[in-house]
Amino acid sequence: MSYFVKSLVQSEYENIFGAVSDFVVVDMTGVSGVDNNILRGELKEKGIHLTIVKNSMMRRALKSLGMDDACAAFGSGPCTVAYGGDSVVDIAKEVVDWAKKIKAIEPRGAFVDGMLMAGDGVKELSKMPTRVELQGQVVQLALTPGANVAGALLGPGGVIAGCVESLIEKLEEAA
């Protein structure tokens, strides 16, 4: 490959991954064409993209983008980078799920918040709650004290209303 073509490919990687801060690196050696198309189609529906990269040019692009720590994930063998989606946790969950379906898929690592995680780190990352789940937990925590206060205010009032009602019934029966 000529120097000019290499620089074009590197600049394309810089354009793609300049806006990406978190991604998962996957080894997809041995995945059939049909499985690859199905995988890409289903991931695309979820906003997750897969890009097969040339390791040496990807390392150069990452160095020029200031992501030197991520270069270790692109050692030897073909690499595919998964990026996009709502968060890197969503990507990790999808990659791990697909690795269970297609045995040839192997997570190599993840680049999260400027740090590189090994392949086992991707599996641990997939067990974390997603952004939507975390937002739901925060909302639930914010609403819980209000619900407790409302319950505390309405509880004694309900008891008093029940007592008054039973007194009315007793007085009606006596009359």
C-alpha atoms as a PDB file:
ATOM      1  CA  MET A   1       0.000   0.000   0.000  1.00  0.00           C
ATOM      2  CA  SER A   2       1.445   3.382  -0.958  1.00  0.00           C
ATOM      3  CA  TYR A   3       2.181   6.119   1.540  1.00  0.00           C
ATOM      4  CA  PHE A   4      -0.592   8.270   0.030  1.00  0.00           C
ATOM      5  CA  VAL A   5      -3.223   5.540   0.471  1.00  0.00           C
ATOM      6  CA  LYS A   6      -2.034   4.851   4.016  1.00  0.00           C
ATOM      7  CA  SER A   7      -2.353   8.517   4.916  1.00  0.00           C
ATOM      8  CA  LEU A   8      -5.882   8.592   3.436  1.00  0.00           C
ATOM      9  CA  VAL A   9      -6.919   5.562   5.473  1.00  0.00           C
ATOM     10  CA  GLN A  10      -5.350   7.030   8.618  1.00  0.00           C
ATOM     11  CA  SER A  11      -7.138  10.346   8.102  1.00  0.00           C
ATOM     12  CA  GLU A  12     -10.412   8.457   7.614  1.00  0.00           C
ATOM     13  CA  TYR A  13      -9.838   6.684  10.952  1.00  0.00           C
ATOM     14  CA  GLU A  14      -9.104  10.050  12.556  1.00  0.00           C
ATOM     15  CA  ASN A  15     -12.374  11.456  11.175  1.00  0.00           C
ATOM     16  CA  ILE A  16     -14.412   8.496  12.393  1.00  0.00           C
ATOM     17  CA  PHE A  17     -12.828   8.051  15.816  1.00  0.00           C
ATOM     18  CA  GLY A  18     -12.177  11.710  16.552  1.00  0.00           C
ATOM     19  CA  ALA A  19     -15.791  12.036  17.672  1.00  0.00           C
ATOM     20  CA  VAL A  20     -15.776   8.673  19.476  1.00  0.00           C
ATOM     21  CA  SER A  21     -14.516   8.583  23.045  1.00  0.00           C
ATOM     22  CA  ASP A  22     -15.479   5.009  24.000  1.00  0.00           C
ATOM     23  CA  PHE A  23     -15.366   1.848  21.908  1.00  0.00           C
ATOM     24  CA  VAL A  24     -15.018  -1.926  22.096  1.00  0.00           C
ATOM     25  CA  VAL A  25     -12.417  -3.888  20.121  1.00  0.00           C
ATOM     26  CA  VAL A  26     -13.525  -7.297  18.846  1.00  0.00           C
ATOM     27  CA  ASP A  27     -11.841 -10.177  17.018  1.00  0.00           C
ATOM     28  CA  MET A  28     -14.281 -11.509  14.419  1.00  0.00           C
ATOM     29  CA  THR A  29     -11.981 -14.003  12.714  1.00  0.00           C
ATOM     30  CA  GLY A  30     -14.005 -16.976  11.523  1.00  0.00           C
ATOM     31  CA  VAL A  31     -17.423 -15.300  11.427  1.00  0.00           C
ATOM     32  CA  SER A  32     -19.302 -16.323   8.298  1.00  0.00           C
ATOM     33  CA  GLY A  33     -20.582 -13.742   5.837  1.00  0.00           C
ATOM     34  CA  VAL A  34     -24.218 -14.467   6.652  1.00  0.00           C
ATOM     35  CA  ASP A  35     -23.640 -14.141  10.407  1.00  0.00           C
ATOM     36  CA  ASN A  36     -21.628 -10.973   9.816  1.00  0.00           C
ATOM     37  CA  ASN A  37     -24.464  -9.391   7.811  1.00  0.00           C
ATOM     38  CA  ILE A  38     -27.070 -10.369  10.416  1.00  0.00           C
ATOM     39  CA  LEU A  39     -24.858  -9.024  13.219  1.00  0.00           C
ATOM     40  CA  ARG A  40     -24.211  -5.722  11.455  1.00  0.00           C
ATOM     41  CA  GLY A  41     -27.889  -5.281  10.566  1.00  0.00           C
ATOM     42  CA  GLU A  42     -29.129  -5.824  14.107  1.00  0.00           C
ATOM     43  CA  LEU A  43     -26.417  -3.630  15.619  1.00  0.00           C
ATOM     44  CA  LYS A  44     -27.140  -0.877  13.088  1.00  0.00           C
ATOM     45  CA  GLU A  45     -30.776  -0.809  14.229  1.00  0.00           C
ATOM     46  CA  LYS A  46     -29.462  -0.057  17.726  1.00  0.00           C
ATOM     47  CA  GLY A  47     -27.123   2.670  16.479  1.00  0.00           C
ATOM     48  CA  ILE A  48     -23.956   0.598  16.916  1.00  0.00           C
ATOM     49  CA  HIS A  49     -21.403   0.605  14.084  1.00  0.00           C
ATOM     50  CA  LEU A  50     -18.652  -1.891  13.277  1.00  0.00           C
ATOM     51  CA  THR A  51     -15.477  -0.885  11.471  1.00  0.00           C
ATOM     52  CA  ILE A  52     -12.718  -3.309  10.502  1.00  0.00           C
ATOM     53  CA  VAL A  53      -9.383  -1.542  10.877  1.00  0.00           C
ATOM     54  CA  LYS A  54      -5.779  -2.056   9.901  1.00  0.00           C
ATOM     55  CA  ASN A  55      -3.937  -2.177  13.206  1.00  0.00           C
ATOM     56  CA  SER A  56      -0.843  -0.140  12.334  1.00  0.00           C
ATOM     57  CA  MET A  57      -2.846   2.703  10.820  1.00  0.00           C
ATOM     58  CA  MET A  58      -5.350   2.625  13.665  1.00  0.00           C
ATOM     59  CA  ARG A  59      -2.511   2.953  16.177  1.00  0.00           C
ATOM     60  CA  ARG A  60      -1.161   5.978  14.293  1.00  0.00           C
ATOM     61  CA  ALA A  61      -4.613   7.549  14.140  1.00  0.00           C
ATOM     62  CA  LEU A  62      -5.170   6.984  17.862  1.00  0.00           C
ATOM     63  CA  LYS A  63      -1.785   8.498  18.700  1.00  0.00           C
ATOM     64  CA  SER A  64      -2.583  11.582  16.647  1.00  0.00           C
ATOM     65  CA  LEU A  65      -5.955  11.831  18.468  1.00  0.00           C
ATOM     66  CA  GLY A  66      -4.266  11.611  21.870  1.00  0.00           C
ATOM     67  CA  MET A  67      -5.625   8.150  22.706  1.00  0.00           C
ATOM     68  CA  ASP A  68      -2.236   6.492  23.196  1.00  0.00           C
ATOM     69  CA  ASP A  69      -3.539   4.052  25.822  1.00  0.00           C
ATOM     70  CA  ALA A  70      -5.951   2.504  23.319  1.00  0.00           C
ATOM     71  CA  CYS A  71      -3.129   1.460  20.986  1.00  0.00           C
ATOM     72  CA  ALA A  72      -2.390  -1.673  23.034  1.00  0.00           C
ATOM     73  CA  ALA A  73      -5.725  -3.211  21.950  1.00  0.00           C
ATOM     74  CA  PHE A  74      -4.567  -3.245  18.337  1.00  0.00           C
ATOM     75  CA  GLY A  75      -1.679  -5.683  18.623  1.00  0.00           C
ATOM     76  CA  SER A  76      -1.869  -8.447  16.049  1.00  0.00           C
ATOM     77  CA  GLY A  77      -4.565 -10.046  13.977  1.00  0.00           C
ATOM     78  CA  PRO A  78      -7.618  -8.444  12.446  1.00  0.00           C
ATOM     79  CA  CYS A  79      -9.574  -6.104  14.699  1.00  0.00           C
ATOM     80  CA  THR A  80     -13.078  -4.745  14.463  1.00  0.00           C
ATOM     81  CA  VAL A  81     -14.095  -1.648  16.404  1.00  0.00           C
ATOM     82  CA  ALA A  82     -17.649  -1.355  17.729  1.00  0.00           C
ATOM     83  CA  TYR A  83     -18.781   2.183  18.578  1.00  0.00           C
ATOM     84  CA  GLY A  84     -21.911   4.311  18.783  1.00  0.00           C
ATOM     85  CA  GLY A  85     -25.096   3.403  20.621  1.00  0.00           C
ATOM     86  CA  ASP A  86     -26.253   5.113  23.788  1.00  0.00           C
ATOM     87  CA  SER A  87     -23.186   4.167  25.814  1.00  0.00           C
ATOM     88  CA  VAL A  88     -20.205   1.842  25.816  1.00  0.00           C
ATOM     89  CA  VAL A  89     -22.103  -0.403  28.245  1.00  0.00           C
ATOM     90  CA  ASP A  90     -24.757  -0.996  25.569  1.00  0.00           C
ATOM     91  CA  ILE A  91     -22.026  -1.878  23.085  1.00  0.00           C
ATOM     92  CA  ALA A  92     -20.365  -4.264  25.553  1.00  0.00           C
ATOM     93  CA  LYS A  93     -23.703  -5.960  26.293  1.00  0.00           C
ATOM     94  CA  GLU A  94     -24.374  -6.473  22.596  1.00  0.00           C
ATOM     95  CA  VAL A  95     -20.871  -7.783  21.897  1.00  0.00           C
ATOM     96  CA  VAL A  96     -21.032 -10.247  24.799  1.00  0.00           C
ATOM     97  CA  ASP A  97     -24.528 -11.404  23.755  1.00  0.00           C
ATOM     98  CA  TRP A  98     -23.383 -11.956  20.185  1.00  0.00           C
ATOM     99  CA  ALA A  99     -20.239 -13.755  21.403  1.00  0.00           C
ATOM    100  CA  LYS A 100     -22.562 -16.266  23.094  1.00  0.00           C
ATOM    101  CA  LYS A 101     -24.487 -16.777  19.834  1.00  0.00           C
ATOM    102  CA  ILE A 102     -21.473 -16.834  17.511  1.00  0.00           C
ATOM    103  CA  LYS A 103     -18.493 -18.544  19.134  1.00  0.00           C
ATOM    104  CA  ALA A 104     -15.981 -16.968  16.727  1.00  0.00           C
ATOM    105  CA  ILE A 105     -16.560 -13.483  18.164  1.00  0.00           C
ATOM    106  CA  GLU A 106     -14.078 -12.624  20.895  1.00  0.00           C
ATOM    107  CA  PRO A 107     -13.939  -9.289  22.765  1.00  0.00           C
ATOM    108  CA  ARG A 108     -10.347  -8.028  22.897  1.00  0.00           C
ATOM    109  CA  GLY A 109     -10.829  -4.929  24.987  1.00  0.00           C
ATOM    110  CA  ALA A 110     -12.651  -1.677  25.531  1.00  0.00           C
ATOM    111  CA  PHE A 111     -11.484   1.916  25.658  1.00  0.00           C
ATOM    112  CA  VAL A 112     -13.553   3.701  28.303  1.00  0.00           C
ATOM    113  CA  ASP A 113     -12.912   7.173  29.734  1.00  0.00           C
ATOM    114  CA  GLY A 114      -9.316   7.206  28.535  1.00  0.00           C
ATOM    115  CA  MET A 115      -8.494   3.770  29.957  1.00  0.00           C
ATOM    116  CA  LEU A 116      -8.060   0.434  28.203  1.00  0.00           C
ATOM    117  CA  MET A 117      -9.829  -2.620  29.603  1.00  0.00           C
ATOM    118  CA  ALA A 118      -8.832  -6.178  28.684  1.00  0.00           C
ATOM    119  CA  GLY A 119     -11.205  -8.712  27.104  1.00  0.00           C
ATOM    120  CA  ASP A 120     -12.472  -9.849  30.515  1.00  0.00           C
ATOM    121  CA  GLY A 121     -13.138  -6.196  31.323  1.00  0.00           C
ATOM    122  CA  VAL A 122     -15.622  -6.092  28.449  1.00  0.00           C
ATOM    123  CA  LYS A 123     -17.566  -8.932  30.066  1.00  0.00           C
ATOM    124  CA  GLU A 124     -17.577  -7.090  33.398  1.00  0.00           C
ATOM    125  CA  LEU A 125     -18.572  -3.867  31.641  1.00  0.00           C
ATOM    126  CA  SER A 126     -21.539  -5.651  30.084  1.00  0.00           C
ATOM    127  CA  LYS A 127     -22.855  -6.481  33.565  1.00  0.00           C
ATOM    128  CA  MET A 128     -23.095  -2.807  34.535  1.00  0.00           C
ATOM    129  CA  PRO A 129     -26.417  -0.968  34.267  1.00  0.00           C
ATOM    130  CA  THR A 130     -26.975   1.057  31.106  1.00  0.00           C
ATOM    131  CA  ARG A 131     -27.438   4.809  31.040  1.00  0.00           C
ATOM    132  CA  VAL A 132     -31.230   4.438  30.862  1.00  0.00           C
ATOM    133  CA  GLU A 133     -31.245   2.057  33.843  1.00  0.00           C
ATOM    134  CA  LEU A 134     -29.064   4.450  35.852  1.00  0.00           C
ATOM    135  CA  GLN A 135     -31.365   7.368  35.017  1.00  0.00           C
ATOM    136  CA  GLY A 136     -34.340   5.288  36.188  1.00  0.00           C
ATOM    137  CA  GLN A 137     -32.559   4.535  39.454  1.00  0.00           C
ATOM    138  CA  VAL A 138     -31.793   8.227  40.013  1.00  0.00           C
ATOM    139  CA  VAL A 139     -35.415   9.187  39.346  1.00  0.00           C
ATOM    140  CA  GLN A 140     -36.603   6.475  41.708  1.00  0.00           C
ATOM    141  CA  LEU A 141     -34.229   7.715  44.416  1.00  0.00           C
ATOM    142  CA  ALA A 142     -35.443  11.271  43.899  1.00  0.00           C
ATOM    143  CA  LEU A 143     -39.118  10.261  44.151  1.00  0.00           C
ATOM    144  CA  THR A 144     -38.783   7.940  47.145  1.00  0.00           C
ATOM    145  CA  PRO A 145     -38.527  10.640  49.873  1.00  0.00           C
ATOM    146  CA  GLY A 146     -41.549  12.452  48.453  1.00  0.00           C
ATOM    147  CA  ALA A 147     -43.559   9.230  48.424  1.00  0.00           C
ATOM    148  CA  ASN A 148     -42.500   8.533  52.018  1.00  0.00           C
ATOM    149  CA  VAL A 149     -43.588  12.024  53.132  1.00  0.00           C
ATOM    150  CA  ALA A 150     -46.925  11.672  51.338  1.00  0.00           C
ATOM    151  CA  GLY A 151     -47.450   8.284  52.971  1.00  0.00           C
ATOM    152  CA  ALA A 152     -46.592   9.689  56.385  1.00  0.00           C
ATOM    153  CA  LEU A 153     -49.039  12.564  55.933  1.00  0.00           C
ATOM    154  CA  LEU A 154     -51.871  10.444  54.560  1.00  0.00           C
ATOM    155  CA  GLY A 155     -51.400   7.478  56.925  1.00  0.00           C
ATOM    156  CA  PRO A 156     -52.527   9.117  60.205  1.00  0.00           C
ATOM    157  CA  GLY A 157     -55.326  10.964  58.400  1.00  0.00           C
ATOM    158  CA  GLY A 158     -56.639   7.639  57.114  1.00  0.00           C
ATOM    159  CA  VAL A 159     -56.500   6.143  60.614  1.00  0.00           C
ATOM    160  CA  ILE A 160     -58.409   9.090  62.070  1.00  0.00           C
ATOM    161  CA  ALA A 161     -60.983   8.913  59.255  1.00  0.00           C
ATOM    162  CA  GLY A 162     -61.436   5.191  59.943  1.00  0.00           C
ATOM    163  CA  CYS A 163     -61.949   5.853  63.659  1.00  0.00           C
ATOM    164  CA  VAL A 164     -64.492   8.611  62.975  1.00  0.00           C
ATOM    165  CA  GLU A 165     -66.345   6.350  60.531  1.00  0.00           C
ATOM    166  CA  SER A 166     -66.526   3.491  63.040  1.00  0.00           C
ATOM    167  CA  LEU A 167     -67.818   5.929  65.709  1.00  0.00           C
ATOM    168  CA  ILE A 168     -70.514   7.138  63.315  1.00  0.00           C
ATOM    169  CA  GLU A 169     -71.560   3.561  62.591  1.00  0.00           C
ATOM    170  CA  LYS A 170     -71.736   2.717  66.325  1.00  0.00           C
ATOM    171  CA  LEU A 171     -73.801   5.819  67.067  1.00  0.00           C
ATOM    172  CA  GLU A 172     -76.171   5.045  64.171  1.00  0.00           C
ATOM    173  CA  GLU A 173     -76.658   1.496  65.442  1.00  0.00           C
ATOM    174  CA  ALA A 174     -77.311   2.745  68.969  1.00  0.00           C
ATOM    175  CA  ALA A 175     -79.883   5.272  67.766  1.00  0.00           C
END
